[in-house]
Amino acid sequence: MHVIAYTSESQIPQAKLEKSLSEIEDVAQKKNSEMEITGALFYLNSRFLQIIEGEKAALEDLMKTLHHDPRHSDIVYLKDSPIEKRSMATWDMEIFNLETDKKQSLKTLQIITETFQQNLFDEKKTDDNADMLISFYKSVLK
Protein backbone atom coordinates (compact mmCIF):
# COMPACT_ATOMS: atom_id res chain seq x y z
CA MET A 1 0.00 0.00 0.00
CA HIS A 2 1.22 3.50 -0.85
CA VAL A 3 0.23 7.13 -0.27
CA ILE A 4 0.83 10.26 -2.34
CA ALA A 5 -0.04 13.74 -1.10
CA TYR A 6 0.47 16.77 -3.31
CA THR A 7 -0.61 20.36 -3.80
CA SER A 8 -1.26 22.13 -7.07
CA GLU A 9 -2.50 25.46 -8.39
CA SER A 10 -6.06 25.47 -9.70
CA GLN A 11 -6.56 26.62 -13.29
CA ILE A 12 -10.36 26.45 -13.02
CA PRO A 13 -12.11 29.80 -13.46
CA GLN A 14 -14.01 30.70 -10.27
CA ALA A 15 -17.31 30.86 -12.21
CA LYS A 16 -16.92 27.18 -13.19
CA LEU A 17 -15.48 25.90 -9.92
CA GLU A 18 -18.52 24.17 -8.37
CA LYS A 19 -19.44 22.44 -11.62
CA SER A 20 -15.84 21.37 -12.25
CA LEU A 21 -15.40 20.00 -8.72
CA SER A 22 -18.62 18.03 -9.08
CA GLU A 23 -17.42 16.60 -12.42
CA ILE A 24 -14.03 15.71 -10.92
CA GLU A 25 -15.74 13.93 -8.04
CA ASP A 26 -18.07 11.94 -10.32
CA VAL A 27 -15.27 10.76 -12.63
CA ALA A 28 -12.78 10.15 -9.80
CA GLN A 29 -15.19 8.06 -7.77
CA LYS A 30 -15.81 5.74 -10.72
CA LYS A 31 -12.19 5.47 -11.89
CA ASN A 32 -10.70 5.30 -8.40
CA SER A 33 -13.07 2.50 -7.48
CA GLU A 34 -11.92 0.54 -10.54
CA MET A 35 -8.25 1.20 -9.70
CA GLU A 36 -8.76 0.59 -5.97
CA ILE A 37 -7.59 4.11 -5.10
CA THR A 38 -9.03 5.98 -2.14
CA GLY A 39 -8.52 9.57 -1.10
CA ALA A 40 -9.64 13.11 -0.58
CA LEU A 41 -9.25 16.35 -2.51
CA PHE A 42 -9.32 19.72 -0.72
CA TYR A 43 -9.76 23.08 -2.45
CA LEU A 44 -8.90 26.43 -0.85
CA ASN A 45 -7.58 29.75 -2.18
CA SER A 46 -7.13 28.45 -5.75
CA ARG A 47 -5.05 25.51 -4.51
CA PHE A 48 -5.69 21.80 -4.35
CA LEU A 49 -4.38 19.42 -1.73
CA GLN A 50 -4.96 15.77 -2.56
CA ILE A 51 -4.16 12.64 -0.60
CA ILE A 52 -4.50 9.34 -2.47
CA GLU A 53 -3.91 5.78 -1.30
CA GLY A 54 -3.56 2.55 -3.23
CA GLU A 55 -1.08 0.28 -4.91
CA LYS A 56 2.02 2.21 -6.01
CA ALA A 57 1.59 1.39 -9.73
CA ALA A 58 -2.04 2.58 -9.71
CA LEU A 59 -1.08 5.84 -7.97
CA GLU A 60 1.76 6.43 -10.44
CA ASP A 61 -0.66 5.93 -13.36
CA LEU A 62 -3.10 8.39 -11.80
CA MET A 63 -0.35 10.95 -11.23
CA LYS A 64 0.70 10.71 -14.89
CA THR A 65 -2.86 11.59 -15.83
CA LEU A 66 -3.01 14.44 -13.32
CA HIS A 67 0.24 15.94 -14.63
CA HIS A 68 -1.53 16.37 -17.99
CA ASP A 69 -4.82 17.65 -16.55
CA PRO A 70 -5.28 21.31 -17.60
CA ARG A 71 -7.36 22.09 -14.51
CA HIS A 72 -4.25 22.43 -12.38
CA SER A 73 -0.55 23.20 -12.57
CA ASP A 74 2.57 23.33 -10.42
CA ILE A 75 2.21 19.95 -8.73
CA VAL A 76 4.35 19.73 -5.59
CA TYR A 77 4.69 16.37 -3.86
CA LEU A 78 4.35 16.50 -0.07
CA LYS A 79 4.57 12.77 0.50
CA ASP A 80 5.19 9.73 -1.70
CA SER A 81 5.79 6.69 0.47
CA PRO A 82 4.62 3.24 1.55
CA ILE A 83 1.96 2.90 4.26
CA GLU A 84 0.82 -0.07 6.30
CA LYS A 85 -2.90 0.41 5.69
CA ARG A 86 -5.42 2.82 4.22
CA SER A 87 -6.76 5.64 6.34
CA MET A 88 -9.56 6.49 3.88
CA ALA A 89 -10.68 2.98 2.98
CA THR A 90 -14.30 3.95 2.29
CA TRP A 91 -13.58 7.10 0.25
CA ASP A 92 -13.26 6.48 -3.51
CA MET A 93 -12.82 10.24 -3.64
CA GLU A 94 -14.26 12.86 -1.34
CA ILE A 95 -13.96 16.51 -2.32
CA PHE A 96 -13.97 19.33 0.21
CA ASN A 97 -14.37 22.85 -1.15
CA LEU A 98 -13.25 24.76 1.92
CA GLU A 99 -14.33 28.09 0.43
CA THR A 100 -18.03 27.29 0.60
CA ASP A 101 -20.27 28.23 3.49
CA LYS A 102 -20.98 24.54 4.15
CA LYS A 103 -19.70 23.56 7.59
CA GLN A 104 -17.82 20.32 7.99
CA SER A 105 -19.20 17.80 10.49
CA LEU A 106 -17.25 16.79 13.56
CA LYS A 107 -16.95 13.25 12.16
CA THR A 108 -15.46 14.62 8.92
CA LEU A 109 -12.93 16.73 10.85
CA GLN A 110 -11.99 13.66 12.91
CA ILE A 111 -11.42 11.62 9.75
CA ILE A 112 -9.36 14.42 8.21
CA THR A 113 -7.25 14.67 11.37
CA GLU A 114 -6.64 10.92 11.42
CA THR A 115 -5.74 11.00 7.73
CA PHE A 116 -3.31 13.84 8.34
CA GLN A 117 -1.70 12.02 11.25
CA GLN A 118 -1.36 8.75 9.36
CA ASN A 119 -0.24 10.12 6.00
CA LEU A 120 1.38 13.52 6.41
CA PHE A 121 2.72 13.56 9.95
CA ASP A 122 6.50 13.63 10.12
CA GLU A 123 7.82 12.60 13.53
CA LYS A 124 11.02 14.56 12.91
CA LYS A 125 9.20 17.85 12.32
CA THR A 126 6.66 18.17 15.12
CA ASP A 127 6.55 21.99 15.02
CA ASP A 128 5.92 21.98 11.25
CA ASN A 129 3.18 19.36 11.70
CA ALA A 130 1.37 21.43 14.31
CA ASP A 131 1.63 24.59 12.20
CA MET A 132 0.26 22.78 9.14
CA LEU A 133 -2.65 21.25 11.04
CA ILE A 134 -3.52 24.54 12.79
CA SER A 135 -3.45 26.40 9.47
CA PHE A 136 -5.68 23.76 7.95
CA TYR A 137 -8.22 23.96 10.77
CA LYS A 138 -8.23 27.76 10.65
CA SER A 139 -9.17 27.59 6.98
CA VAL A 140 -11.87 24.96 7.64
CA LEU A 141 -13.45 26.67 10.63
CA LYS A 142 -13.51 30.31 9.56
C-alpha atoms as a PDB file:
ATOM      1  CA  MET A   1       0.000   0.000   0.000  1.00  0.00           C
ATOM      2  CA  HIS A   2       1.216   3.497  -0.852  1.00  0.00           C
ATOM      3  CA  VAL A   3       0.231   7.133  -0.273  1.00  0.00           C
ATOM      4  CA  ILE A   4       0.834  10.263  -2.337  1.00  0.00           C
ATOM      5  CA  ALA A   5      -0.037  13.742  -1.104  1.00  0.00           C
ATOM      6  CA  TYR A   6       0.465  16.775  -3.306  1.00  0.00           C
ATOM      7  CA  THR A   7      -0.609  20.361  -3.798  1.00  0.00           C
ATOM      8  CA  SER A   8      -1.263  22.132  -7.074  1.00  0.00           C
ATOM      9  CA  GLU A   9      -2.497  25.460  -8.393  1.00  0.00           C
ATOM     10  CA  SER A  10      -6.060  25.469  -9.705  1.00  0.00           C
ATOM     11  CA  GLN A  11      -6.561  26.625 -13.286  1.00  0.00           C
ATOM     12  CA  ILE A  12     -10.359  26.447 -13.024  1.00  0.00           C
ATOM     13  CA  PRO A  13     -12.112  29.803 -13.458  1.00  0.00           C
ATOM     14  CA  GLN A  14     -14.014  30.698 -10.275  1.00  0.00           C
ATOM     15  CA  ALA A  15     -17.307  30.863 -12.206  1.00  0.00           C
ATOM     16  CA  LYS A  16     -16.921  27.182 -13.191  1.00  0.00           C
ATOM     17  CA  LEU A  17     -15.482  25.903  -9.917  1.00  0.00           C
ATOM     18  CA  GLU A  18     -18.520  24.172  -8.365  1.00  0.00           C
ATOM     19  CA  LYS A  19     -19.444  22.440 -11.623  1.00  0.00           C
ATOM     20  CA  SER A  20     -15.840  21.372 -12.248  1.00  0.00           C
ATOM     21  CA  LEU A  21     -15.395  19.996  -8.723  1.00  0.00           C
ATOM     22  CA  SER A  22     -18.619  18.029  -9.084  1.00  0.00           C
ATOM     23  CA  GLU A  23     -17.422  16.597 -12.418  1.00  0.00           C
ATOM     24  CA  ILE A  24     -14.033  15.715 -10.921  1.00  0.00           C
ATOM     25  CA  GLU A  25     -15.742  13.925  -8.039  1.00  0.00           C
ATOM     26  CA  ASP A  26     -18.066  11.935 -10.320  1.00  0.00           C
ATOM     27  CA  VAL A  27     -15.273  10.756 -12.628  1.00  0.00           C
ATOM     28  CA  ALA A  28     -12.782  10.147  -9.801  1.00  0.00           C
ATOM     29  CA  GLN A  29     -15.193   8.055  -7.771  1.00  0.00           C
ATOM     30  CA  LYS A  30     -15.808   5.741 -10.723  1.00  0.00           C
ATOM     31  CA  LYS A  31     -12.191   5.469 -11.887  1.00  0.00           C
ATOM     32  CA  ASN A  32     -10.702   5.301  -8.404  1.00  0.00           C
ATOM     33  CA  SER A  33     -13.067   2.497  -7.477  1.00  0.00           C
ATOM     34  CA  GLU A  34     -11.918   0.544 -10.538  1.00  0.00           C
ATOM     35  CA  MET A  35      -8.246   1.205  -9.701  1.00  0.00           C
ATOM     36  CA  GLU A  36      -8.758   0.587  -5.968  1.00  0.00           C
ATOM     37  CA  ILE A  37      -7.595   4.107  -5.101  1.00  0.00           C
ATOM     38  CA  THR A  38      -9.034   5.979  -2.142  1.00  0.00           C
ATOM     39  CA  GLY A  39      -8.525   9.568  -1.097  1.00  0.00           C
ATOM     40  CA  ALA A  40      -9.641  13.113  -0.580  1.00  0.00           C
ATOM     41  CA  LEU A  41      -9.253  16.351  -2.507  1.00  0.00           C
ATOM     42  CA  PHE A  42      -9.319  19.718  -0.724  1.00  0.00           C
ATOM     43  CA  TYR A  43      -9.755  23.082  -2.448  1.00  0.00           C
ATOM     44  CA  LEU A  44      -8.897  26.432  -0.849  1.00  0.00           C
ATOM     45  CA  ASN A  45      -7.583  29.749  -2.182  1.00  0.00           C
ATOM     46  CA  SER A  46      -7.126  28.455  -5.745  1.00  0.00           C
ATOM     47  CA  ARG A  47      -5.054  25.513  -4.508  1.00  0.00           C
ATOM     48  CA  PHE A  48      -5.688  21.802  -4.347  1.00  0.00           C
ATOM     49  CA  LEU A  49      -4.376  19.419  -1.728  1.00  0.00           C
ATOM     50  CA  GLN A  50      -4.964  15.774  -2.563  1.00  0.00           C
ATOM     51  CA  ILE A  51      -4.163  12.643  -0.601  1.00  0.00           C
ATOM     52  CA  ILE A  52      -4.502   9.345  -2.467  1.00  0.00           C
ATOM     53  CA  GLU A  53      -3.908   5.781  -1.304  1.00  0.00           C
ATOM     54  CA  GLY A  54      -3.560   2.546  -3.225  1.00  0.00           C
ATOM     55  CA  GLU A  55      -1.075   0.281  -4.912  1.00  0.00           C
ATOM     56  CA  LYS A  56       2.015   2.213  -6.015  1.00  0.00           C
ATOM     57  CA  ALA A  57       1.592   1.395  -9.726  1.00  0.00           C
ATOM     58  CA  ALA A  58      -2.040   2.583  -9.709  1.00  0.00           C
ATOM     59  CA  LEU A  59      -1.080   5.839  -7.974  1.00  0.00           C
ATOM     60  CA  GLU A  60       1.756   6.432 -10.440  1.00  0.00           C
ATOM     61  CA  ASP A  61      -0.660   5.928 -13.358  1.00  0.00           C
ATOM     62  CA  LEU A  62      -3.105   8.389 -11.804  1.00  0.00           C
ATOM     63  CA  MET A  63      -0.352  10.954 -11.229  1.00  0.00           C
ATOM     64  CA  LYS A  64       0.703  10.712 -14.890  1.00  0.00           C
ATOM     65  CA  THR A  65      -2.863  11.586 -15.833  1.00  0.00           C
ATOM     66  CA  LEU A  66      -3.007  14.444 -13.316  1.00  0.00           C
ATOM     67  CA  HIS A  67       0.235  15.943 -14.632  1.00  0.00           C
ATOM     68  CA  HIS A  68      -1.531  16.375 -17.994  1.00  0.00           C
ATOM     69  CA  ASP A  69      -4.823  17.650 -16.547  1.00  0.00           C
ATOM     70  CA  PRO A  70      -5.279  21.309 -17.601  1.00  0.00           C
ATOM     71  CA  ARG A  71      -7.359  22.089 -14.506  1.00  0.00           C
ATOM     72  CA  HIS A  72      -4.246  22.433 -12.377  1.00  0.00           C
ATOM     73  CA  SER A  73      -0.547  23.196 -12.572  1.00  0.00           C
ATOM     74  CA  ASP A  74       2.567  23.335 -10.418  1.00  0.00           C
ATOM     75  CA  ILE A  75       2.206  19.954  -8.729  1.00  0.00           C
ATOM     76  CA  VAL A  76       4.350  19.734  -5.594  1.00  0.00           C
ATOM     77  CA  TYR A  77       4.685  16.366  -3.860  1.00  0.00           C
ATOM     78  CA  LEU A  78       4.353  16.495  -0.072  1.00  0.00           C
ATOM     79  CA  LYS A  79       4.566  12.766   0.498  1.00  0.00           C
ATOM     80  CA  ASP A  80       5.187   9.728  -1.696  1.00  0.00           C
ATOM     81  CA  SER A  81       5.790   6.688   0.469  1.00  0.00           C
ATOM     82  CA  PRO A  82       4.616   3.241   1.546  1.00  0.00           C
ATOM     83  CA  ILE A  83       1.963   2.903   4.257  1.00  0.00           C
ATOM     84  CA  GLU A  84       0.816  -0.074   6.296  1.00  0.00           C
ATOM     85  CA  LYS A  85      -2.900   0.411   5.690  1.00  0.00           C
ATOM     86  CA  ARG A  86      -5.416   2.816   4.216  1.00  0.00           C
ATOM     87  CA  SER A  87      -6.756   5.640   6.337  1.00  0.00           C
ATOM     88  CA  MET A  88      -9.563   6.490   3.876  1.00  0.00           C
ATOM     89  CA  ALA A  89     -10.678   2.977   2.983  1.00  0.00           C
ATOM     90  CA  THR A  90     -14.297   3.951   2.288  1.00  0.00           C
ATOM     91  CA  TRP A  91     -13.579   7.095   0.253  1.00  0.00           C
ATOM     92  CA  ASP A  92     -13.263   6.477  -3.510  1.00  0.00           C
ATOM     93  CA  MET A  93     -12.817  10.244  -3.637  1.00  0.00           C
ATOM     94  CA  GLU A  94     -14.259  12.859  -1.343  1.00  0.00           C
ATOM     95  CA  ILE A  95     -13.964  16.505  -2.321  1.00  0.00           C
ATOM     96  CA  PHE A  96     -13.972  19.328   0.205  1.00  0.00           C
ATOM     97  CA  ASN A  97     -14.374  22.849  -1.145  1.00  0.00           C
ATOM     98  CA  LEU A  98     -13.248  24.764   1.917  1.00  0.00           C
ATOM     99  CA  GLU A  99     -14.332  28.094   0.432  1.00  0.00           C
ATOM    100  CA  THR A 100     -18.032  27.288   0.602  1.00  0.00           C
ATOM    101  CA  ASP A 101     -20.266  28.229   3.493  1.00  0.00           C
ATOM    102  CA  LYS A 102     -20.982  24.545   4.148  1.00  0.00           C
ATOM    103  CA  LYS A 103     -19.700  23.563   7.588  1.00  0.00           C
ATOM    104  CA  GLN A 104     -17.822  20.319   7.995  1.00  0.00           C
ATOM    105  CA  SER A 105     -19.203  17.802  10.487  1.00  0.00           C
ATOM    106  CA  LEU A 106     -17.254  16.789  13.561  1.00  0.00           C
ATOM    107  CA  LYS A 107     -16.954  13.252  12.159  1.00  0.00           C
ATOM    108  CA  THR A 108     -15.464  14.624   8.919  1.00  0.00           C
ATOM    109  CA  LEU A 109     -12.931  16.725  10.854  1.00  0.00           C
ATOM    110  CA  GLN A 110     -11.988  13.665  12.909  1.00  0.00           C
ATOM    111  CA  ILE A 111     -11.422  11.618   9.749  1.00  0.00           C
ATOM    112  CA  ILE A 112      -9.360  14.419   8.208  1.00  0.00           C
ATOM    113  CA  THR A 113      -7.247  14.667  11.371  1.00  0.00           C
ATOM    114  CA  GLU A 114      -6.645  10.915  11.423  1.00  0.00           C
ATOM    115  CA  THR A 115      -5.740  10.996   7.734  1.00  0.00           C
ATOM    116  CA  PHE A 116      -3.312  13.842   8.343  1.00  0.00           C
ATOM    117  CA  GLN A 117      -1.704  12.022  11.252  1.00  0.00           C
ATOM    118  CA  GLN A 118      -1.363   8.745   9.360  1.00  0.00           C
ATOM    119  CA  ASN A 119      -0.240  10.123   6.003  1.00  0.00           C
ATOM    120  CA  LEU A 120       1.381  13.521   6.408  1.00  0.00           C
ATOM    121  CA  PHE A 121       2.716  13.561   9.947  1.00  0.00           C
ATOM    122  CA  ASP A 122       6.499  13.632  10.117  1.00  0.00           C
ATOM    123  CA  GLU A 123       7.820  12.599  13.531  1.00  0.00           C
ATOM    124  CA  LYS A 124      11.020  14.557  12.914  1.00  0.00           C
ATOM    125  CA  LYS A 125       9.202  17.851  12.319  1.00  0.00           C
ATOM    126  CA  THR A 126       6.656  18.169  15.116  1.00  0.00           C
ATOM    127  CA  ASP A 127       6.553  21.989  15.015  1.00  0.00           C
ATOM    128  CA  ASP A 128       5.918  21.981  11.253  1.00  0.00           C
ATOM    129  CA  ASN A 129       3.177  19.359  11.705  1.00  0.00           C
ATOM    130  CA  ALA A 130       1.372  21.431  14.315  1.00  0.00           C
ATOM    131  CA  ASP A 131       1.631  24.585  12.199  1.00  0.00           C
ATOM    132  CA  MET A 132       0.261  22.779   9.140  1.00  0.00           C
ATOM    133  CA  LEU A 133      -2.645  21.250  11.044  1.00  0.00           C
ATOM    134  CA  ILE A 134      -3.516  24.544  12.792  1.00  0.00           C
ATOM    135  CA  SER A 135      -3.451  26.401   9.470  1.00  0.00           C
ATOM    136  CA  PHE A 136      -5.675  23.755   7.952  1.00  0.00           C
ATOM    137  CA  TYR A 137      -8.223  23.965  10.770  1.00  0.00           C
ATOM    138  CA  LYS A 138      -8.231  27.760  10.653  1.00  0.00           C
ATOM    139  CA  SER A 139      -9.169  27.587   6.983  1.00  0.00           C
ATOM    140  CA  VAL A 140     -11.875  24.964   7.639  1.00  0.00           C
ATOM    141  CA  LEU A 141     -13.450  26.674  10.627  1.00  0.00           C
ATOM    142  CA  LYS A 142     -13.514  30.315   9.560  1.00  0.00           C
END
